[in-house]
Amino acid sequence: HRPILWVLGWAVFVYATCGAPAVYGAVLFSAH
């Protein structure tokens, strides 16, 4: 379960910094 959590954690991090939260977070407080 540990490598699964590690990979999943970094996948979520990449989504937060490259996906919609990052793109819209640059112009919307709510997305930020």
PDB file of all heavy atoms in Angstrom:
ATOM      1  N   HIS A   1       0.813  -1.215   0.000  1.00  0.00           N
ATOM      2  CA  HIS A   1       0.000   0.000   0.000  1.00  0.00           C
ATOM      3  C   HIS A   1       0.849   1.270   0.000  1.00  0.00           C
ATOM      4  O   HIS A   1       0.387   2.326  -0.445  1.00  0.00           O
ATOM      5  CB  HIS A   1      -0.940   0.006   1.209  1.00  0.00           C
ATOM      6  CG  HIS A   1      -0.245   0.262   2.518  1.00  0.00           C
ATOM      7  ND1 HIS A   1       0.397  -0.736   3.234  1.00  0.00           N
ATOM      8  CD2 HIS A   1      -0.076   1.401   3.239  1.00  0.00           C
ATOM      9  CE1 HIS A   1       0.904  -0.229   4.333  1.00  0.00           C
ATOM     10  NE2 HIS A   1       0.637   1.060   4.373  1.00  0.00           N
ATOM     11  N   ARG A   2       2.091   1.186   0.462  1.00  0.00           N
ATOM     12  CA  ARG A   2       2.913   2.395   0.540  1.00  0.00           C
ATOM     13  C   ARG A   2       3.293   2.934  -0.838  1.00  0.00           C
ATOM     14  O   ARG A   2       3.123   4.139  -1.077  1.00  0.00           O
ATOM     15  CB  ARG A   2       4.154   2.121   1.392  1.00  0.00           C
ATOM     16  CG  ARG A   2       3.830   1.909   2.866  1.00  0.00           C
ATOM     17  CD  ARG A   2       5.080   1.628   3.684  1.00  0.00           C
ATOM     18  NE  ARG A   2       4.742   1.325   5.075  1.00  0.00           N
ATOM     19  CZ  ARG A   2       5.617   0.910   5.983  1.00  0.00           C
ATOM     20  NH1 ARG A   2       6.904   0.733   5.639  1.00  0.00           N
ATOM     21  NH2 ARG A   2       5.229   0.654   7.213  1.00  0.00           N
ATOM     22  N   PRO A   3       3.835   2.134  -1.756  1.00  0.00           N
ATOM     23  CA  PRO A   3       4.105   2.703  -3.083  1.00  0.00           C
ATOM     24  C   PRO A   3       2.844   3.173  -3.800  1.00  0.00           C
ATOM     25  O   PRO A   3       2.887   4.141  -4.570  1.00  0.00           O
ATOM     26  CB  PRO A   3       4.787   1.556  -3.841  1.00  0.00           C
ATOM     27  CG  PRO A   3       4.453   0.325  -3.088  1.00  0.00           C
ATOM     28  CD  PRO A   3       4.317   0.742  -1.665  1.00  0.00           C
ATOM     29  N   ILE A   4       1.712   2.497  -3.551  1.00  0.00           N
ATOM     30  CA  ILE A   4       0.459   2.943  -4.170  1.00  0.00           C
ATOM     31  C   ILE A   4       0.106   4.343  -3.679  1.00  0.00           C
ATOM     32  O   ILE A   4      -0.256   5.232  -4.466  1.00  0.00           O
ATOM     33  CB  ILE A   4      -0.673   1.943  -3.861  1.00  0.00           C
ATOM     34  CG1 ILE A   4      -0.385   0.601  -4.533  1.00  0.00           C
ATOM     35  CG2 ILE A   4      -2.021   2.498  -4.316  1.00  0.00           C
ATOM     36  CD1 ILE A   4      -1.392  -0.484  -4.183  1.00  0.00           C
ATOM     37  N   LEU A   5       0.222   4.568  -2.382  1.00  0.00           N
ATOM     38  CA  LEU A   5      -0.065   5.891  -1.820  1.00  0.00           C
ATOM     39  C   LEU A   5       0.925   6.936  -2.333  1.00  0.00           C
ATOM     40  O   LEU A   5       0.541   8.081  -2.619  1.00  0.00           O
ATOM     41  CB  LEU A   5      -0.013   5.828  -0.291  1.00  0.00           C
ATOM     42  CG  LEU A   5      -1.157   5.077   0.397  1.00  0.00           C
ATOM     43  CD1 LEU A   5      -0.882   4.966   1.893  1.00  0.00           C
ATOM     44  CD2 LEU A   5      -2.480   5.786   0.154  1.00  0.00           C
ATOM     45  N   TRP A   6       2.187   6.553  -2.441  1.00  0.00           N
ATOM     46  CA  TRP A   6       3.205   7.494  -2.903  1.00  0.00           C
ATOM     47  C   TRP A   6       2.939   7.941  -4.343  1.00  0.00           C
ATOM     48  O   TRP A   6       2.956   9.137  -4.648  1.00  0.00           O
ATOM     49  CB  TRP A   6       4.581   6.838  -2.794  1.00  0.00           C
ATOM     50  CG  TRP A   6       5.741   7.735  -3.118  1.00  0.00           C
ATOM     51  CD1 TRP A   6       6.490   7.720  -4.260  1.00  0.00           C
ATOM     52  CD2 TRP A   6       6.296   8.760  -2.293  1.00  0.00           C
ATOM     53  NE1 TRP A   6       7.476   8.668  -4.199  1.00  0.00           N
ATOM     54  CE2 TRP A   6       7.387   9.320  -2.998  1.00  0.00           C
ATOM     55  CE3 TRP A   6       5.994   9.259  -1.035  1.00  0.00           C
ATOM     56  CZ2 TRP A   6       8.160  10.354  -2.482  1.00  0.00           C
ATOM     57  CZ3 TRP A   6       6.764  10.286  -0.515  1.00  0.00           C
ATOM     58  CH2 TRP A   6       7.827  10.828  -1.234  1.00  0.00           C
ATOM     59  N   VAL A   7       2.677   6.993  -5.209  1.00  0.00           N
ATOM     60  CA  VAL A   7       2.396   7.325  -6.612  1.00  0.00           C
ATOM     61  C   VAL A   7       1.112   8.131  -6.711  1.00  0.00           C
ATOM     62  O   VAL A   7       1.032   9.125  -7.454  1.00  0.00           O
ATOM     63  CB  VAL A   7       2.316   6.048  -7.462  1.00  0.00           C
ATOM     64  CG1 VAL A   7       1.870   6.374  -8.886  1.00  0.00           C
ATOM     65  CG2 VAL A   7       3.665   5.334  -7.486  1.00  0.00           C
ATOM     66  N   LEU A   8       0.097   7.731  -5.980  1.00  0.00           N
ATOM     67  CA  LEU A   8      -1.175   8.450  -6.017  1.00  0.00           C
ATOM     68  C   LEU A   8      -1.010   9.878  -5.495  1.00  0.00           C
ATOM     69  O   LEU A   8      -1.576  10.825  -6.060  1.00  0.00           O
ATOM     70  CB  LEU A   8      -2.215   7.697  -5.183  1.00  0.00           C
ATOM     71  CG  LEU A   8      -3.625   8.290  -5.174  1.00  0.00           C
ATOM     72  CD1 LEU A   8      -4.197   8.349  -6.586  1.00  0.00           C
ATOM     73  CD2 LEU A   8      -4.537   7.474  -4.250  1.00  0.00           C
ATOM     74  N   GLY A   9      -0.213  10.045  -4.438  1.00  0.00           N
ATOM     75  CA  GLY A   9       0.013  11.380  -3.894  1.00  0.00           C
ATOM     76  C   GLY A   9       0.669  12.313  -4.893  1.00  0.00           C
ATOM     77  O   GLY A   9       0.245  13.469  -5.062  1.00  0.00           O
ATOM     78  N   TRP A  10       1.677  11.834  -5.574  1.00  0.00           N
ATOM     79  CA  TRP A  10       2.350  12.685  -6.563  1.00  0.00           C
ATOM     80  C   TRP A  10       1.484  12.886  -7.801  1.00  0.00           C
ATOM     81  O   TRP A  10       1.559  13.947  -8.453  1.00  0.00           O
ATOM     82  CB  TRP A  10       3.704  12.095  -6.936  1.00  0.00           C
ATOM     83  CG  TRP A  10       4.723  12.329  -5.869  1.00  0.00           C
ATOM     84  CD1 TRP A  10       5.282  11.398  -5.046  1.00  0.00           C
ATOM     85  CD2 TRP A  10       5.278  13.588  -5.486  1.00  0.00           C
ATOM     86  NE1 TRP A  10       6.160  11.995  -4.169  1.00  0.00           N
ATOM     87  CE2 TRP A  10       6.181  13.338  -4.416  1.00  0.00           C
ATOM     88  CE3 TRP A  10       5.119  14.892  -5.928  1.00  0.00           C
ATOM     89  CZ2 TRP A  10       6.912  14.352  -3.805  1.00  0.00           C
ATOM     90  CZ3 TRP A  10       5.838  15.914  -5.312  1.00  0.00           C
ATOM     91  CH2 TRP A  10       6.719  15.647  -4.267  1.00  0.00           C
ATOM     92  N   ALA A  11       0.641  11.914  -8.153  1.00  0.00           N
ATOM     93  CA  ALA A  11      -0.283  12.108  -9.269  1.00  0.00           C
ATOM     94  C   ALA A  11      -1.287  13.215  -8.942  1.00  0.00           C
ATOM     95  O   ALA A  11      -1.597  14.069  -9.795  1.00  0.00           O
ATOM     96  CB  ALA A  11      -1.013  10.800  -9.581  1.00  0.00           C
ATOM     97  N   VAL A  12      -1.786  13.219  -7.722  1.00  0.00           N
ATOM     98  CA  VAL A  12      -2.700  14.282  -7.300  1.00  0.00           C
ATOM     99  C   VAL A  12      -1.980  15.623  -7.290  1.00  0.00           C
ATOM    100  O   VAL A  12      -2.545  16.657  -7.691  1.00  0.00           O
ATOM    101  CB  VAL A  12      -3.283  13.955  -5.907  1.00  0.00           C
ATOM    102  CG1 VAL A  12      -4.077  15.136  -5.353  1.00  0.00           C
ATOM    103  CG2 VAL A  12      -4.165  12.717  -5.984  1.00  0.00           C
ATOM    104  N   PHE A  13      -0.727  15.636  -6.858  1.00  0.00           N
ATOM    105  CA  PHE A  13       0.050  16.868  -6.853  1.00  0.00           C
ATOM    106  C   PHE A  13       0.228  17.410  -8.274  1.00  0.00           C
ATOM    107  O   PHE A  13       0.091  18.618  -8.506  1.00  0.00           O
ATOM    108  CB  PHE A  13       1.414  16.614  -6.204  1.00  0.00           C
ATOM    109  CG  PHE A  13       2.318  17.812  -6.194  1.00  0.00           C
ATOM    110  CD1 PHE A  13       2.147  18.827  -5.277  1.00  0.00           C
ATOM    111  CD2 PHE A  13       3.348  17.918  -7.122  1.00  0.00           C
ATOM    112  CE1 PHE A  13       2.976  19.940  -5.277  1.00  0.00           C
ATOM    113  CE2 PHE A  13       4.187  19.018  -7.130  1.00  0.00           C
ATOM    114  CZ  PHE A  13       3.996  20.028  -6.202  1.00  0.00           C
ATOM    115  N   VAL A  14       0.539  16.536  -9.216  1.00  0.00           N
ATOM    116  CA  VAL A  14       0.696  16.966 -10.604  1.00  0.00           C
ATOM    117  C   VAL A  14      -0.616  17.524 -11.142  1.00  0.00           C
ATOM    118  O   VAL A  14      -0.632  18.544 -11.849  1.00  0.00           O
ATOM    119  CB  VAL A  14       1.194  15.788 -11.471  1.00  0.00           C
ATOM    120  CG1 VAL A  14       1.117  16.139 -12.955  1.00  0.00           C
ATOM    121  CG2 VAL A  14       2.627  15.436 -11.104  1.00  0.00           C
ATOM    122  N   TYR A  15      -1.729  16.885 -10.801  1.00  0.00           N
ATOM    123  CA  TYR A  15      -3.021  17.418 -11.238  1.00  0.00           C
ATOM    124  C   TYR A  15      -3.262  18.809 -10.656  1.00  0.00           C
ATOM    125  O   TYR A  15      -3.741  19.717 -11.359  1.00  0.00           O
ATOM    126  CB  TYR A  15      -4.144  16.480 -10.821  1.00  0.00           C
ATOM    127  CG  TYR A  15      -5.519  17.089 -11.020  1.00  0.00           C
ATOM    128  CD1 TYR A  15      -6.053  17.236 -12.296  1.00  0.00           C
ATOM    129  CD2 TYR A  15      -6.264  17.530  -9.924  1.00  0.00           C
ATOM    130  CE1 TYR A  15      -7.306  17.812 -12.475  1.00  0.00           C
ATOM    131  CE2 TYR A  15      -7.509  18.107 -10.100  1.00  0.00           C
ATOM    132  CZ  TYR A  15      -8.025  18.250 -11.374  1.00  0.00           C
ATOM    133  OH  TYR A  15      -9.249  18.834 -11.552  1.00  0.00           O
ATOM    134  N   ALA A  16      -2.932  18.991  -9.388  1.00  0.00           N
ATOM    135  CA  ALA A  16      -3.169  20.288  -8.750  1.00  0.00           C
ATOM    136  C   ALA A  16      -2.298  21.384  -9.334  1.00  0.00           C
ATOM    137  O   ALA A  16      -2.701  22.554  -9.360  1.00  0.00           O
ATOM    138  CB  ALA A  16      -2.926  20.177  -7.245  1.00  0.00           C
ATOM    139  N   THR A  17      -1.108  21.048  -9.818  1.00  0.00           N
ATOM    140  CA  THR A  17      -0.179  22.067 -10.321  1.00  0.00           C
ATOM    141  C   THR A  17      -0.173  22.188 -11.839  1.00  0.00           C
ATOM    142  O   THR A  17       0.422  23.131 -12.370  1.00  0.00           O
ATOM    143  CB  THR A  17       1.250  21.755  -9.846  1.00  0.00           C
ATOM    144  OG1 THR A  17       1.601  20.407 -10.218  1.00  0.00           O
ATOM    145  CG2 THR A  17       1.362  21.902  -8.337  1.00  0.00           C
ATOM    146  N   CYS A  18      -0.801  21.256 -12.531  1.00  0.00           N
ATOM    147  CA  CYS A  18      -0.846  21.304 -13.998  1.00  0.00           C
ATOM    148  C   CYS A  18      -2.263  21.297 -14.544  1.00  0.00           C
ATOM    149  O   CYS A  18      -2.468  21.674 -15.707  1.00  0.00           O
ATOM    150  CB  CYS A  18      -0.082  20.122 -14.603  1.00  0.00           C
ATOM    151  SG  CYS A  18       1.669  20.061 -14.187  1.00  0.00           S
ATOM    152  N   GLY A  19      -3.210  20.830 -13.771  1.00  0.00           N
ATOM    153  CA  GLY A  19      -4.576  20.714 -14.241  1.00  0.00           C
ATOM    154  C   GLY A  19      -5.405  21.956 -13.981  1.00  0.00           C
ATOM    155  O   GLY A  19      -4.898  23.068 -13.811  1.00  0.00           O
ATOM    156  N   ALA A  20      -6.723  21.761 -13.916  1.00  0.00           N
ATOM    157  CA  ALA A  20      -7.655  22.876 -13.753  1.00  0.00           C
ATOM    158  C   ALA A  20      -7.394  23.712 -12.499  1.00  0.00           C
ATOM    159  O   ALA A  20      -7.519  24.941 -12.557  1.00  0.00           O
ATOM    160  CB  ALA A  20      -9.086  22.338 -13.749  1.00  0.00           C
ATOM    161  N   PRO A  21      -7.050  23.121 -11.332  1.00  0.00           N
ATOM    162  CA  PRO A  21      -6.785  23.979 -10.172  1.00  0.00           C
ATOM    163  C   PRO A  21      -5.680  24.995 -10.417  1.00  0.00           C
ATOM    164  O   PRO A  21      -5.755  26.125  -9.918  1.00  0.00           O
ATOM    165  CB  PRO A  21      -6.385  22.969  -9.081  1.00  0.00           C
ATOM    166  CG  PRO A  21      -7.060  21.703  -9.474  1.00  0.00           C
ATOM    167  CD  PRO A  21      -7.016  21.681 -10.970  1.00  0.00           C
ATOM    168  N   ALA A  22      -4.658  24.616 -11.176  1.00  0.00           N
ATOM    169  CA  ALA A  22      -3.568  25.554 -11.453  1.00  0.00           C
ATOM    170  C   ALA A  22      -3.952  26.552 -12.536  1.00  0.00           C
ATOM    171  O   ALA A  22      -3.688  27.752 -12.413  1.00  0.00           O
ATOM    172  CB  ALA A  22      -2.315  24.790 -11.871  1.00  0.00           C
ATOM    173  N   VAL A  23      -4.592  26.080 -13.607  1.00  0.00           N
ATOM    174  CA  VAL A  23      -4.933  26.969 -14.728  1.00  0.00           C
ATOM    175  C   VAL A  23      -5.955  28.007 -14.290  1.00  0.00           C
ATOM    176  O   VAL A  23      -5.786  29.214 -14.510  1.00  0.00           O
ATOM    177  CB  VAL A  23      -5.456  26.143 -15.915  1.00  0.00           C
ATOM    178  CG1 VAL A  23      -5.944  27.065 -17.032  1.00  0.00           C
ATOM    179  CG2 VAL A  23      -4.375  25.209 -16.428  1.00  0.00           C
ATOM    180  N   TYR A  24      -7.035  27.550 -13.668  1.00  0.00           N
ATOM    181  CA  TYR A  24      -8.055  28.495 -13.227  1.00  0.00           C
ATOM    182  C   TYR A  24      -7.672  29.176 -11.909  1.00  0.00           C
ATOM    183  O   TYR A  24      -8.173  30.260 -11.595  1.00  0.00           O
ATOM    184  CB  TYR A  24      -9.404  27.781 -13.085  1.00  0.00           C
ATOM    185  CG  TYR A  24     -10.056  27.510 -14.416  1.00  0.00           C
ATOM    186  CD1 TYR A  24      -9.854  26.294 -15.074  1.00  0.00           C
ATOM    187  CD2 TYR A  24     -10.847  28.464 -15.035  1.00  0.00           C
ATOM    188  CE1 TYR A  24     -10.436  26.038 -16.305  1.00  0.00           C
ATOM    189  CE2 TYR A  24     -11.431  28.222 -16.270  1.00  0.00           C
ATOM    190  CZ  TYR A  24     -11.220  27.012 -16.902  1.00  0.00           C
ATOM    191  OH  TYR A  24     -11.784  26.769 -18.127  1.00  0.00           O
ATOM    192  N   GLY A  25      -6.781  28.534 -11.152  1.00  0.00           N
ATOM    193  CA  GLY A  25      -6.323  29.163  -9.916  1.00  0.00           C
ATOM    194  C   GLY A  25      -5.502  30.412 -10.147  1.00  0.00           C
ATOM    195  O   GLY A  25      -5.312  31.212  -9.234  1.00  0.00           O
ATOM    196  N   ALA A  26      -5.010  30.588 -11.376  1.00  0.00           N
ATOM    197  CA  ALA A  26      -4.261  31.800 -11.703  1.00  0.00           C
ATOM    198  C   ALA A  26      -5.163  33.007 -11.853  1.00  0.00           C
ATOM    199  O   ALA A  26      -4.683  34.146 -11.810  1.00  0.00           O
ATOM    200  CB  ALA A  26      -3.465  31.590 -12.992  1.00  0.00           C
ATOM    201  N   VAL A  27      -6.489  32.795 -12.031  1.00  0.00           N
ATOM    202  CA  VAL A  27      -7.411  33.919 -12.240  1.00  0.00           C
ATOM    203  C   VAL A  27      -8.622  33.875 -11.319  1.00  0.00           C
ATOM    204  O   VAL A  27      -9.342  34.872 -11.208  1.00  0.00           O
ATOM    205  CB  VAL A  27      -7.885  33.966 -13.708  1.00  0.00           C
ATOM    206  CG1 VAL A  27      -6.725  34.281 -14.638  1.00  0.00           C
ATOM    207  CG2 VAL A  27      -8.553  32.657 -14.121  1.00  0.00           C
ATOM    208  N   LEU A  28      -8.901  32.735 -10.681  1.00  0.00           N
ATOM    209  CA  LEU A  28     -10.051  32.601  -9.797  1.00  0.00           C
ATOM    210  C   LEU A  28      -9.599  32.261  -8.387  1.00  0.00           C
ATOM    211  O   LEU A  28      -8.822  31.319  -8.179  1.00  0.00           O
ATOM    212  CB  LEU A  28     -10.987  31.492 -10.291  1.00  0.00           C
ATOM    213  CG  LEU A  28     -11.786  31.731 -11.576  1.00  0.00           C
ATOM    214  CD1 LEU A  28     -12.642  30.520 -11.879  1.00  0.00           C
ATOM    215  CD2 LEU A  28     -12.633  32.974 -11.460  1.00  0.00           C
ATOM    216  N   PHE A  29     -10.105  33.008  -7.414  1.00  0.00           N
ATOM    217  CA  PHE A  29      -9.759  32.735  -6.021  1.00  0.00           C
ATOM    218  C   PHE A  29     -10.265  31.353  -5.608  1.00  0.00           C
ATOM    219  O   PHE A  29      -9.585  30.607  -4.898  1.00  0.00           O
ATOM    220  CB  PHE A  29     -10.367  33.822  -5.131  1.00  0.00           C
ATOM    221  CG  PHE A  29      -9.725  33.936  -3.779  1.00  0.00           C
ATOM    222  CD1 PHE A  29      -9.848  35.103  -3.051  1.00  0.00           C
ATOM    223  CD2 PHE A  29      -9.006  32.893  -3.218  1.00  0.00           C
ATOM    224  CE1 PHE A  29      -9.263  35.232  -1.805  1.00  0.00           C
ATOM    225  CE2 PHE A  29      -8.410  32.999  -1.974  1.00  0.00           C
ATOM    226  CZ  PHE A  29      -8.551  34.174  -1.261  1.00  0.00           C
ATOM    227  N   SER A  30     -11.460  30.991  -6.039  1.00  0.00           N
ATOM    228  CA  SER A  30     -12.035  29.709  -5.638  1.00  0.00           C
ATOM    229  C   SER A  30     -11.194  28.538  -6.153  1.00  0.00           C
ATOM    230  O   SER A  30     -10.915  27.584  -5.415  1.00  0.00           O
ATOM    231  CB  SER A  30     -13.465  29.599  -6.157  1.00  0.00           C
ATOM    232  OG  SER A  30     -13.508  29.793  -7.564  1.00  0.00           O
ATOM    233  N   ALA A  31     -10.770  28.594  -7.416  1.00  0.00           N
ATOM    234  CA  ALA A  31      -9.929  27.529  -7.957  1.00  0.00           C
ATOM    235  C   ALA A  31      -8.558  27.520  -7.296  1.00  0.00           C
ATOM    236  O   ALA A  31      -7.965  26.448  -7.077  1.00  0.00           O
ATOM    237  CB  ALA A  31      -9.786  27.691  -9.471  1.00  0.00           C
ATOM    238  N   HIS A  32      -8.047  28.711  -6.982  1.00  0.00           N
ATOM    239  CA  HIS A  32      -6.773  28.791  -6.269  1.00  0.00           C
ATOM    240  C   HIS A  32      -6.880  28.093  -4.917  1.00  0.00           C
ATOM    241  O   HIS A  32      -5.957  27.391  -4.500  1.00  0.00           O
ATOM    242  CB  HIS A  32      -6.377  30.252  -6.080  1.00  0.00           C
ATOM    243  CG  HIS A  32      -5.196  30.443  -5.192  1.00  0.00           C
ATOM    244  ND1 HIS A  32      -3.898  30.473  -5.667  1.00  0.00           N
ATOM    245  CD2 HIS A  32      -5.090  30.584  -3.856  1.00  0.00           C
ATOM    246  CE1 HIS A  32      -3.068  30.637  -4.658  1.00  0.00           C
ATOM    247  NE2 HIS A  32      -3.765  30.712  -3.545  1.00  0.00           N
TER     248      HIS A  32
END
